[in-house]
Amino acid sequence: MPVEDALKPDVLDGLSQASQQTTKGSYNKNSHSFAILQKLNPITVAQAASWFCRLVTTLEKILHLPQREWKCKEPVI
């Protein structure tokens, strides 16, 4: 199932449950999201989330960024 098809409440509940017993405590979007984003591999995310490729491609065009080394697995609309 593409990550975009997952219901937001289910994802947040899963993150909360998975992180309850960690040293940093239960997942909190405000305090954990940026740290998690820094650790993500864009290639892995692109393979799981087609909308990510669309976002990256749009930002590259708007910001006139150099071409990235990796490609999206599906054509971006």
C-alpha atoms as a PDB file:
ATOM      1  CA  MET A   1       0.000   0.000   0.000  1.00  0.00           C
ATOM      2  CA  PRO A   2       1.434   3.418  -0.904  1.00  0.00           C
ATOM      3  CA  VAL A   3       2.147   5.524   2.147  1.00  0.00           C
ATOM      4  CA  GLU A   4      -0.243   8.186   0.834  1.00  0.00           C
ATOM      5  CA  ASP A   5      -3.127   5.724   1.210  1.00  0.00           C
ATOM      6  CA  ALA A   6      -2.543   5.293   4.957  1.00  0.00           C
ATOM      7  CA  LEU A   7      -5.008   7.164   7.140  1.00  0.00           C
ATOM      8  CA  LYS A   8      -3.335   9.949   9.128  1.00  0.00           C
ATOM      9  CA  PRO A   9      -4.848   8.892  12.488  1.00  0.00           C
ATOM     10  CA  ASP A  10      -3.583   5.331  11.905  1.00  0.00           C
ATOM     11  CA  VAL A  11      -0.078   6.576  11.115  1.00  0.00           C
ATOM     12  CA  LEU A  12       0.051   8.862  14.155  1.00  0.00           C
ATOM     13  CA  ASP A  13      -1.300   6.101  16.400  1.00  0.00           C
ATOM     14  CA  GLY A  14       1.282   3.671  15.051  1.00  0.00           C
ATOM     15  CA  LEU A  15       4.114   6.156  15.629  1.00  0.00           C
ATOM     16  CA  SER A  16       2.886   6.814  19.156  1.00  0.00           C
ATOM     17  CA  GLN A  17       2.628   3.110  20.012  1.00  0.00           C
ATOM     18  CA  ALA A  18       5.976   2.251  18.445  1.00  0.00           C
ATOM     19  CA  SER A  19       7.786   4.974  20.357  1.00  0.00           C
ATOM     20  CA  GLN A  20       6.207   4.614  23.811  1.00  0.00           C
ATOM     21  CA  GLN A  21       9.050   2.564  25.292  1.00  0.00           C
ATOM     22  CA  THR A  22      11.878   4.624  23.770  1.00  0.00           C
ATOM     23  CA  THR A  23      14.222   6.941  25.643  1.00  0.00           C
ATOM     24  CA  LYS A  24      12.766   9.950  23.805  1.00  0.00           C
ATOM     25  CA  GLY A  25       9.203   9.047  24.741  1.00  0.00           C
ATOM     26  CA  SER A  26       6.046   8.797  22.691  1.00  0.00           C
ATOM     27  CA  TYR A  27       6.069  10.415  19.236  1.00  0.00           C
ATOM     28  CA  ASN A  28       5.233  14.118  19.161  1.00  0.00           C
ATOM     29  CA  LYS A  29       5.049  15.862  15.803  1.00  0.00           C
ATOM     30  CA  ASN A  30       6.435  19.156  17.112  1.00  0.00           C
ATOM     31  CA  SER A  31       9.492  17.740  18.814  1.00  0.00           C
ATOM     32  CA  HIS A  32      10.300  14.694  16.654  1.00  0.00           C
ATOM     33  CA  SER A  33       9.280  15.365  13.034  1.00  0.00           C
ATOM     34  CA  PHE A  34      12.280  17.436  11.929  1.00  0.00           C
ATOM     35  CA  ALA A  35      14.759  15.018  13.491  1.00  0.00           C
ATOM     36  CA  ILE A  36      13.055  12.150  11.666  1.00  0.00           C
ATOM     37  CA  LEU A  37      13.035  14.037   8.349  1.00  0.00           C
ATOM     38  CA  GLN A  38      16.789  14.647   8.617  1.00  0.00           C
ATOM     39  CA  LYS A  39      17.415  10.912   8.819  1.00  0.00           C
ATOM     40  CA  LEU A  40      15.223   9.851   5.890  1.00  0.00           C
ATOM     41  CA  ASN A  41      16.821   8.639   2.698  1.00  0.00           C
ATOM     42  CA  PRO A  42      15.123  10.525  -0.188  1.00  0.00           C
ATOM     43  CA  ILE A  43      15.507   7.537  -2.500  1.00  0.00           C
ATOM     44  CA  THR A  44      13.678   5.254  -0.051  1.00  0.00           C
ATOM     45  CA  VAL A  45      10.936   7.851   0.452  1.00  0.00           C
ATOM     46  CA  ALA A  46      10.569   8.341  -3.307  1.00  0.00           C
ATOM     47  CA  GLN A  47      10.032   4.602  -3.758  1.00  0.00           C
ATOM     48  CA  ALA A  48       7.262   4.562  -1.140  1.00  0.00           C
ATOM     49  CA  ALA A  49       5.576   7.907  -1.786  1.00  0.00           C
ATOM     50  CA  SER A  50       4.888   9.093  -5.316  1.00  0.00           C
ATOM     51  CA  TRP A  51       3.717  12.485  -4.057  1.00  0.00           C
ATOM     52  CA  PHE A  52       7.190  13.026  -2.589  1.00  0.00           C
ATOM     53  CA  CYS A  53       8.641  12.909  -6.096  1.00  0.00           C
ATOM     54  CA  ARG A  54       6.063  15.411  -7.253  1.00  0.00           C
ATOM     55  CA  LEU A  55       6.965  17.733  -4.365  1.00  0.00           C
ATOM     56  CA  VAL A  56      10.709  17.445  -4.991  1.00  0.00           C
ATOM     57  CA  THR A  57      10.311  17.989  -8.739  1.00  0.00           C
ATOM     58  CA  THR A  58       8.140  21.072  -8.178  1.00  0.00           C
ATOM     59  CA  LEU A  59      10.592  22.553  -5.668  1.00  0.00           C
ATOM     60  CA  GLU A  60      13.492  21.916  -8.057  1.00  0.00           C
ATOM     61  CA  LYS A  61      11.716  23.817 -10.815  1.00  0.00           C
ATOM     62  CA  ILE A  62      10.676  26.737  -8.597  1.00  0.00           C
ATOM     63  CA  LEU A  63      14.045  27.068  -6.854  1.00  0.00           C
ATOM     64  CA  HIS A  64      16.116  26.280  -9.986  1.00  0.00           C
ATOM     65  CA  LEU A  65      17.989  23.525  -8.166  1.00  0.00           C
ATOM     66  CA  PRO A  66      20.540  21.294  -9.901  1.00  0.00           C
ATOM     67  CA  GLN A  67      19.338  17.927 -11.108  1.00  0.00           C
ATOM     68  CA  ARG A  68      19.401  15.276  -8.390  1.00  0.00           C
ATOM     69  CA  GLU A  69      21.312  12.021  -8.729  1.00  0.00           C
ATOM     70  CA  TRP A  70      18.281   9.767  -8.214  1.00  0.00           C
ATOM     71  CA  LYS A  71      15.169   9.349 -10.335  1.00  0.00           C
ATOM     72  CA  CYS A  72      11.540   8.856  -9.429  1.00  0.00           C
ATOM     73  CA  LYS A  73      10.243   5.359 -10.148  1.00  0.00           C
ATOM     74  CA  GLU A  74       7.075   6.736 -11.752  1.00  0.00           C
ATOM     75  CA  PRO A  75       6.632   9.706 -14.067  1.00  0.00           C
ATOM     76  CA  VAL A  76       5.763  12.864 -12.160  1.00  0.00           C
ATOM     77  CA  ILE A  77       2.619  14.622 -13.330  1.00  0.00           C
END
